[in-house]
Amino acid sequence: MTTAKGHQKQDHLSERQITLKMLYLATMDVLRKWTRQIQNRGQILLQLTVFHGEAS
């Protein structure tokens, strides 16, 4: 009985570790996308100024 419980607890711990690793990797992916350089930033700012006026 103790072997089955110990094995079940180990499986649960492994599942928890896998879940935490997936959450960590997803968070790192989002951070990488949010902090990357924006191509054509000047052109985007120019278009926003034309459509919405200059911010004061």
C-alpha atoms as a PDB file:
ATOM      1  CA  MET A   1       0.000   0.000   0.000  1.00  0.00           C
ATOM      2  CA  THR A   2       2.736   2.463   0.809  1.00  0.00           C
ATOM      3  CA  THR A   3       4.427   1.735  -2.512  1.00  0.00           C
ATOM      4  CA  ALA A   4       1.256   2.629  -4.425  1.00  0.00           C
ATOM      5  CA  LYS A   5       0.774   5.818  -2.417  1.00  0.00           C
ATOM      6  CA  GLY A   6       4.408   6.793  -2.841  1.00  0.00           C
ATOM      7  CA  HIS A   7       4.194   6.122  -6.569  1.00  0.00           C
ATOM      8  CA  GLN A   8       0.961   8.116  -6.852  1.00  0.00           C
ATOM      9  CA  LYS A   9       2.520  11.034  -4.971  1.00  0.00           C
ATOM     10  CA  GLN A  10       5.567  10.931  -7.265  1.00  0.00           C
ATOM     11  CA  ASP A  11       3.312  10.984 -10.360  1.00  0.00           C
ATOM     12  CA  HIS A  12       1.418  13.958  -8.939  1.00  0.00           C
ATOM     13  CA  LEU A  13       4.667  15.812  -8.258  1.00  0.00           C
ATOM     14  CA  SER A  14       5.893  15.136 -11.787  1.00  0.00           C
ATOM     15  CA  GLU A  15       2.604  16.395 -13.220  1.00  0.00           C
ATOM     16  CA  ARG A  16       2.892  19.558 -11.106  1.00  0.00           C
ATOM     17  CA  GLN A  17       6.479  20.130 -12.268  1.00  0.00           C
ATOM     18  CA  ILE A  18       5.437  19.675 -15.901  1.00  0.00           C
ATOM     19  CA  THR A  19       2.602  22.184 -15.435  1.00  0.00           C
ATOM     20  CA  LEU A  20       4.932  24.738 -13.839  1.00  0.00           C
ATOM     21  CA  LYS A  21       7.484  24.281 -16.632  1.00  0.00           C
ATOM     22  CA  MET A  22       4.788  24.814 -19.291  1.00  0.00           C
ATOM     23  CA  LEU A  23       3.618  27.966 -17.500  1.00  0.00           C
ATOM     24  CA  TYR A  24       7.202  29.242 -17.274  1.00  0.00           C
ATOM     25  CA  LEU A  25       7.889  28.597 -20.963  1.00  0.00           C
ATOM     26  CA  ALA A  26       4.632  30.293 -22.007  1.00  0.00           C
ATOM     27  CA  THR A  27       5.521  33.321 -19.847  1.00  0.00           C
ATOM     28  CA  MET A  28       9.001  33.544 -21.390  1.00  0.00           C
ATOM     29  CA  ASP A  29       7.459  33.394 -24.892  1.00  0.00           C
ATOM     30  CA  VAL A  30       5.075  36.259 -24.100  1.00  0.00           C
ATOM     31  CA  LEU A  31       7.864  38.378 -22.590  1.00  0.00           C
ATOM     32  CA  ARG A  32      10.053  37.779 -25.633  1.00  0.00           C
ATOM     33  CA  LYS A  33       7.276  38.983 -27.944  1.00  0.00           C
ATOM     34  CA  TRP A  34       6.489  42.062 -25.812  1.00  0.00           C
ATOM     35  CA  THR A  35      10.088  43.238 -25.616  1.00  0.00           C
ATOM     36  CA  ARG A  36      11.187  42.780 -29.235  1.00  0.00           C
ATOM     37  CA  GLN A  37      12.068  45.658 -31.547  1.00  0.00           C
ATOM     38  CA  ILE A  38       9.307  47.087 -33.736  1.00  0.00           C
ATOM     39  CA  GLN A  39      10.205  47.310 -37.410  1.00  0.00           C
ATOM     40  CA  ASN A  40       9.268  50.540 -39.235  1.00  0.00           C
ATOM     41  CA  ARG A  41       8.611  52.324 -35.949  1.00  0.00           C
ATOM     42  CA  GLY A  42       9.032  55.766 -37.564  1.00  0.00           C
ATOM     43  CA  GLN A  43       6.495  54.992 -40.285  1.00  0.00           C
ATOM     44  CA  ILE A  44       4.012  53.708 -37.710  1.00  0.00           C
ATOM     45  CA  LEU A  45       4.371  56.857 -35.593  1.00  0.00           C
ATOM     46  CA  LEU A  46       3.929  59.052 -38.689  1.00  0.00           C
ATOM     47  CA  GLN A  47       0.721  57.240 -39.658  1.00  0.00           C
ATOM     48  CA  LEU A  48      -0.650  57.484 -36.123  1.00  0.00           C
ATOM     49  CA  THR A  49       0.083  61.208 -36.094  1.00  0.00           C
ATOM     50  CA  VAL A  50      -1.710  61.685 -39.414  1.00  0.00           C
ATOM     51  CA  PHE A  51      -4.787  59.723 -38.284  1.00  0.00           C
ATOM     52  CA  HIS A  52      -5.015  60.958 -34.694  1.00  0.00           C
ATOM     53  CA  GLY A  53      -3.175  64.277 -34.681  1.00  0.00           C
ATOM     54  CA  GLU A  54      -0.079  65.195 -32.735  1.00  0.00           C
ATOM     55  CA  ALA A  55      -0.121  64.371 -29.022  1.00  0.00           C
ATOM     56  CA  SER A  56       0.448  67.383 -26.794  1.00  0.00           C
END
